[in-house]
């Protein structure tokens, strides 16, 4: 399926509030579903709803990325023990000893 073929049902269902989002980039990229809309520019025909939704989605993506980075910032340390003893307990509050 080509890009334009997928946009036909999307634009039909989303009406004037659709947003294009390019995933996998290091920066957030959103755009209104109508694109640049040069054909209606300056004619007071374009709806600003899709533009607003693109901005809101961009803000939400930035916030989600920040929360994801914070959650991964300090994961629990992995500790490995010899399986020979069953009575050894794992203390997660204990700091690693300096060598």
N, C-alpha and C. Protein backbone atom coordinates (compact mmCIF):
# COMPACT_ATOMS: atom_id res chain seq x y z
N UNK A 1 0.85 -1.18 0.00
CA UNK A 1 0.00 0.00 0.00
C UNK A 1 0.89 1.24 0.00
N UNK A 2 0.52 2.21 -0.77
CA UNK A 2 1.26 3.46 -0.85
C UNK A 2 0.78 4.44 0.21
N UNK A 3 1.61 5.43 0.49
CA UNK A 3 1.31 6.46 1.49
C UNK A 3 -0.05 7.11 1.23
N UNK A 4 -0.28 7.53 0.00
CA UNK A 4 -1.52 8.24 -0.33
C UNK A 4 -2.75 7.35 -0.20
N UNK A 5 -2.60 6.04 -0.47
CA UNK A 5 -3.73 5.13 -0.34
C UNK A 5 -4.15 4.97 1.12
N UNK A 6 -3.20 5.00 2.03
CA UNK A 6 -3.51 4.88 3.45
C UNK A 6 -4.12 6.15 4.02
N UNK A 7 -3.79 7.29 3.42
CA UNK A 7 -4.32 8.56 3.93
C UNK A 7 -5.78 8.79 3.56
N UNK A 8 -6.26 8.15 2.52
CA UNK A 8 -7.67 8.36 2.11
C UNK A 8 -8.64 7.96 3.22
N UNK A 9 -8.58 6.72 3.74
CA UNK A 9 -9.51 6.40 4.83
C UNK A 9 -9.20 7.16 6.12
N UNK A 10 -7.92 7.44 6.36
CA UNK A 10 -7.56 8.19 7.57
C UNK A 10 -8.19 9.57 7.56
N UNK A 11 -8.05 10.29 6.46
CA UNK A 11 -8.60 11.65 6.38
C UNK A 11 -10.13 11.63 6.39
N UNK A 12 -10.72 10.56 5.83
CA UNK A 12 -12.17 10.44 5.84
C UNK A 12 -12.70 10.28 7.26
N UNK A 13 -12.02 9.47 8.06
CA UNK A 13 -12.46 9.23 9.44
C UNK A 13 -12.09 10.36 10.39
N UNK A 14 -10.92 10.95 10.21
CA UNK A 14 -10.42 11.96 11.14
C UNK A 14 -11.01 13.34 10.87
N UNK A 15 -11.59 13.53 9.73
CA UNK A 15 -12.12 14.83 9.31
C UNK A 15 -11.04 15.91 9.43
N UNK A 16 -11.25 16.91 10.26
CA UNK A 16 -10.30 18.02 10.37
C UNK A 16 -9.39 17.93 11.58
N UNK A 17 -9.36 16.79 12.27
CA UNK A 17 -8.55 16.70 13.48
C UNK A 17 -7.42 15.69 13.36
N UNK A 18 -7.14 15.20 12.17
CA UNK A 18 -6.10 14.20 11.99
C UNK A 18 -4.70 14.79 12.07
N UNK A 19 -3.76 13.95 12.51
CA UNK A 19 -2.37 14.37 12.66
C UNK A 19 -1.46 13.30 12.06
N UNK A 20 -0.50 13.71 11.25
CA UNK A 20 0.54 12.81 10.76
C UNK A 20 1.69 12.85 11.76
N UNK A 21 2.20 11.67 12.11
CA UNK A 21 3.31 11.57 13.06
C UNK A 21 4.36 10.64 12.47
N UNK A 22 5.60 11.10 12.46
CA UNK A 22 6.70 10.27 11.96
C UNK A 22 7.41 9.66 13.15
N UNK A 23 7.27 8.36 13.33
CA UNK A 23 7.87 7.67 14.48
C UNK A 23 9.32 7.30 14.18
N UNK A 24 10.08 7.09 15.24
CA UNK A 24 11.44 6.60 15.12
C UNK A 24 12.49 7.67 14.91
N UNK A 25 12.11 8.93 14.93
CA UNK A 25 13.08 10.01 14.77
C UNK A 25 13.57 10.47 16.14
N UNK A 26 14.78 11.02 16.23
CA UNK A 26 15.25 11.54 17.52
C UNK A 26 14.53 12.83 17.91
N UNK A 27 13.90 13.49 16.95
CA UNK A 27 13.10 14.68 17.23
C UNK A 27 11.63 14.35 16.96
N UNK A 28 10.75 15.11 17.58
CA UNK A 28 9.32 14.89 17.40
C UNK A 28 8.89 15.61 16.12
N UNK A 29 8.19 14.88 15.23
CA UNK A 29 7.70 15.46 13.99
C UNK A 29 6.23 15.14 13.82
N UNK A 30 5.39 16.16 13.93
CA UNK A 30 3.96 16.02 13.68
C UNK A 30 3.57 17.07 12.64
N UNK A 31 2.46 16.81 11.95
CA UNK A 31 1.94 17.80 11.01
C UNK A 31 0.44 17.60 10.86
N UNK A 32 -0.29 18.66 10.52
CA UNK A 32 -1.72 18.53 10.29
C UNK A 32 -1.99 17.57 9.13
N UNK A 33 -3.13 16.91 9.14
CA UNK A 33 -3.42 15.94 8.08
C UNK A 33 -3.59 16.58 6.72
N UNK A 34 -3.88 17.87 6.66
CA UNK A 34 -4.06 18.52 5.37
C UNK A 34 -2.74 18.97 4.77
N UNK A 35 -1.62 18.79 5.47
CA UNK A 35 -0.32 19.19 4.95
C UNK A 35 -0.19 20.70 4.87
N UNK A 36 0.50 21.18 3.85
CA UNK A 36 0.71 22.62 3.73
C UNK A 36 -0.54 23.36 3.27
N UNK A 37 -1.41 22.70 2.54
CA UNK A 37 -2.69 23.27 2.08
C UNK A 37 -2.49 24.57 1.31
N UNK A 38 -1.53 24.58 0.39
CA UNK A 38 -1.28 25.79 -0.40
C UNK A 38 -2.50 26.23 -1.19
N UNK A 39 -3.32 25.28 -1.59
CA UNK A 39 -4.48 25.62 -2.42
C UNK A 39 -5.53 26.44 -1.67
N UNK A 40 -5.57 26.36 -0.36
CA UNK A 40 -6.56 27.12 0.41
C UNK A 40 -5.90 28.15 1.32
N UNK A 41 -4.59 28.33 1.20
CA UNK A 41 -3.88 29.29 2.05
C UNK A 41 -4.36 30.71 1.76
N UNK A 42 -4.64 31.46 2.82
CA UNK A 42 -5.05 32.85 2.70
C UNK A 42 -6.50 33.05 2.32
N UNK A 43 -7.28 31.96 2.20
CA UNK A 43 -8.68 32.07 1.81
C UNK A 43 -9.64 31.92 2.98
N UNK A 44 -9.10 31.75 4.17
CA UNK A 44 -9.90 31.58 5.39
C UNK A 44 -10.80 30.34 5.29
N UNK A 45 -10.29 29.27 4.65
CA UNK A 45 -11.06 28.04 4.49
C UNK A 45 -10.52 26.90 5.36
N UNK A 46 -9.26 26.96 5.72
CA UNK A 46 -8.63 25.86 6.47
C UNK A 46 -9.10 25.87 7.92
N UNK A 47 -9.23 24.69 8.46
CA UNK A 47 -9.58 24.55 9.88
C UNK A 47 -8.29 24.52 10.69
N UNK A 48 -8.29 25.19 11.81
CA UNK A 48 -7.11 25.19 12.67
C UNK A 48 -7.09 24.00 13.63
N UNK A 49 -8.13 23.17 13.62
CA UNK A 49 -8.25 22.05 14.56
C UNK A 49 -7.12 21.03 14.37
N UNK A 50 -6.81 20.67 13.15
CA UNK A 50 -5.77 19.70 12.88
C UNK A 50 -4.40 20.24 13.32
N UNK A 51 -4.16 21.53 13.11
CA UNK A 51 -2.91 22.15 13.53
C UNK A 51 -2.77 22.10 15.06
N UNK A 52 -3.86 22.45 15.75
CA UNK A 52 -3.85 22.38 17.23
C UNK A 52 -3.60 20.96 17.72
N UNK A 53 -4.25 19.99 17.10
CA UNK A 53 -4.07 18.59 17.50
C UNK A 53 -2.63 18.13 17.25
N UNK A 54 -1.99 18.62 16.19
CA UNK A 54 -0.59 18.29 15.91
C UNK A 54 0.32 18.84 17.01
N UNK A 55 0.04 20.05 17.47
CA UNK A 55 0.82 20.64 18.56
C UNK A 55 0.61 19.86 19.84
N UNK A 56 -0.66 19.54 20.17
CA UNK A 56 -0.95 18.79 21.40
C UNK A 56 -0.29 17.41 21.38
N UNK A 57 -0.33 16.74 20.23
CA UNK A 57 0.29 15.42 20.13
C UNK A 57 1.81 15.53 20.30
N UNK A 58 2.41 16.55 19.72
CA UNK A 58 3.84 16.77 19.88
C UNK A 58 4.23 16.96 21.34
N UNK A 59 3.44 17.74 22.07
CA UNK A 59 3.69 17.96 23.50
C UNK A 59 3.55 16.65 24.28
N UNK A 60 2.52 15.88 23.96
CA UNK A 60 2.30 14.61 24.65
C UNK A 60 3.45 13.63 24.39
N UNK A 61 3.95 13.59 23.17
CA UNK A 61 5.06 12.70 22.84
C UNK A 61 6.32 13.10 23.60
N UNK A 62 6.60 14.40 23.68
CA UNK A 62 7.77 14.87 24.44
C UNK A 62 7.65 14.48 25.90
N UNK A 63 6.47 14.67 26.48
CA UNK A 63 6.25 14.30 27.88
C UNK A 63 6.43 12.80 28.10
N UNK A 64 5.89 11.99 27.20
CA UNK A 64 6.03 10.53 27.32
C UNK A 64 7.47 10.09 27.19
N UNK A 65 8.22 10.71 26.28
CA UNK A 65 9.64 10.37 26.14
C UNK A 65 10.41 10.73 27.41
N UNK A 66 10.08 11.86 28.01
CA UNK A 66 10.75 12.28 29.25
C UNK A 66 10.45 11.29 30.38
N UNK A 67 9.20 10.90 30.52
CA UNK A 67 8.83 9.93 31.56
C UNK A 67 9.52 8.58 31.32
N UNK A 68 9.62 8.17 30.07
CA UNK A 68 10.28 6.91 29.73
C UNK A 68 11.77 6.98 30.10
N UNK A 69 12.40 8.10 29.76
CA UNK A 69 13.83 8.25 30.08
C UNK A 69 14.05 8.27 31.60
N UNK A 70 13.17 8.93 32.34
CA UNK A 70 13.30 8.98 33.80
C UNK A 70 13.13 7.58 34.41
N UNK A 71 12.21 6.80 33.87
CA UNK A 71 11.97 5.45 34.40
C UNK A 71 13.16 4.54 34.13
N UNK A 72 13.84 4.74 33.03
CA UNK A 72 14.99 3.90 32.68
C UNK A 72 16.30 4.43 33.24
N UNK A 73 16.28 5.62 33.85
CA UNK A 73 17.50 6.27 34.31
C UNK A 73 18.23 5.47 35.38
N UNK A 74 17.51 4.88 36.33
CA UNK A 74 18.14 4.20 37.45
C UNK A 74 17.45 2.86 37.73
N UNK A 75 17.61 1.88 36.84
CA UNK A 75 16.96 0.59 37.08
C UNK A 75 17.65 -0.15 38.21
N UNK A 76 16.98 -1.16 38.74
CA UNK A 76 17.59 -1.97 39.79
C UNK A 76 18.82 -2.67 39.26
N UNK A 77 19.84 -2.72 40.10
CA UNK A 77 21.08 -3.39 39.70
C UNK A 77 20.86 -4.89 39.71
N UNK A 78 21.45 -5.55 38.75
CA UNK A 78 21.37 -7.00 38.70
C UNK A 78 22.44 -7.57 39.63
N UNK A 79 22.06 -8.58 40.39
CA UNK A 79 23.01 -9.22 41.29
C UNK A 79 23.01 -10.71 41.00
N UNK A 80 24.20 -11.27 40.93
CA UNK A 80 24.33 -12.68 40.64
C UNK A 80 24.94 -13.39 41.85
N UNK A 81 24.38 -14.53 42.19
CA UNK A 81 24.85 -15.29 43.33
C UNK A 81 25.17 -16.71 42.89
N UNK A 82 26.08 -17.32 43.61
CA UNK A 82 26.40 -18.72 43.38
C UNK A 82 25.18 -19.54 43.81
N UNK A 83 24.75 -20.47 43.00
CA UNK A 83 23.55 -21.25 43.31
C UNK A 83 23.80 -22.32 44.37
N UNK A 84 25.01 -22.38 44.90
CA UNK A 84 25.33 -23.43 45.86
C UNK A 84 24.66 -23.29 47.21
N UNK A 85 24.25 -22.06 47.60
CA UNK A 85 23.66 -21.87 48.93
C UNK A 85 22.23 -21.37 48.80
N UNK A 86 21.31 -21.99 49.54
CA UNK A 86 19.90 -21.59 49.52
C UNK A 86 19.57 -20.55 50.58
N UNK A 87 20.43 -20.37 51.58
CA UNK A 87 20.08 -19.51 52.70
C UNK A 87 20.54 -18.06 52.52
N UNK A 88 21.14 -17.70 51.39
CA UNK A 88 21.61 -16.35 51.16
C UNK A 88 20.44 -15.48 50.68
N UNK A 89 20.22 -14.34 51.35
CA UNK A 89 19.11 -13.46 51.01
C UNK A 89 19.63 -12.24 50.26
N UNK A 90 18.85 -11.74 49.35
CA UNK A 90 19.20 -10.59 48.53
C UNK A 90 18.77 -9.32 49.23
N UNK A 91 19.71 -8.40 49.46
CA UNK A 91 19.42 -7.11 50.09
C UNK A 91 19.54 -6.03 49.04
N UNK A 92 18.40 -5.52 48.54
CA UNK A 92 18.41 -4.51 47.49
C UNK A 92 18.80 -3.13 48.00
N UNK A 93 18.74 -2.91 49.30
CA UNK A 93 19.10 -1.61 49.87
C UNK A 93 20.60 -1.48 50.08
N UNK A 94 21.33 -2.55 50.02
CA UNK A 94 22.77 -2.56 50.28
C UNK A 94 23.52 -2.04 49.05
N UNK A 95 24.46 -1.09 49.29
CA UNK A 95 25.26 -0.54 48.21
C UNK A 95 26.38 -1.52 47.86
N UNK A 96 26.83 -1.45 46.62
CA UNK A 96 27.97 -2.29 46.21
C UNK A 96 29.20 -1.86 46.97
N UNK A 97 30.01 -2.81 47.34
CA UNK A 97 31.24 -2.53 48.05
C UNK A 97 32.29 -2.03 47.07
N UNK A 98 33.05 -1.00 47.48
CA UNK A 98 34.14 -0.46 46.66
C UNK A 98 35.28 -1.44 46.63
N UNK A 99 35.90 -1.61 45.48
CA UNK A 99 37.05 -2.51 45.38
C UNK A 99 38.33 -1.72 45.29
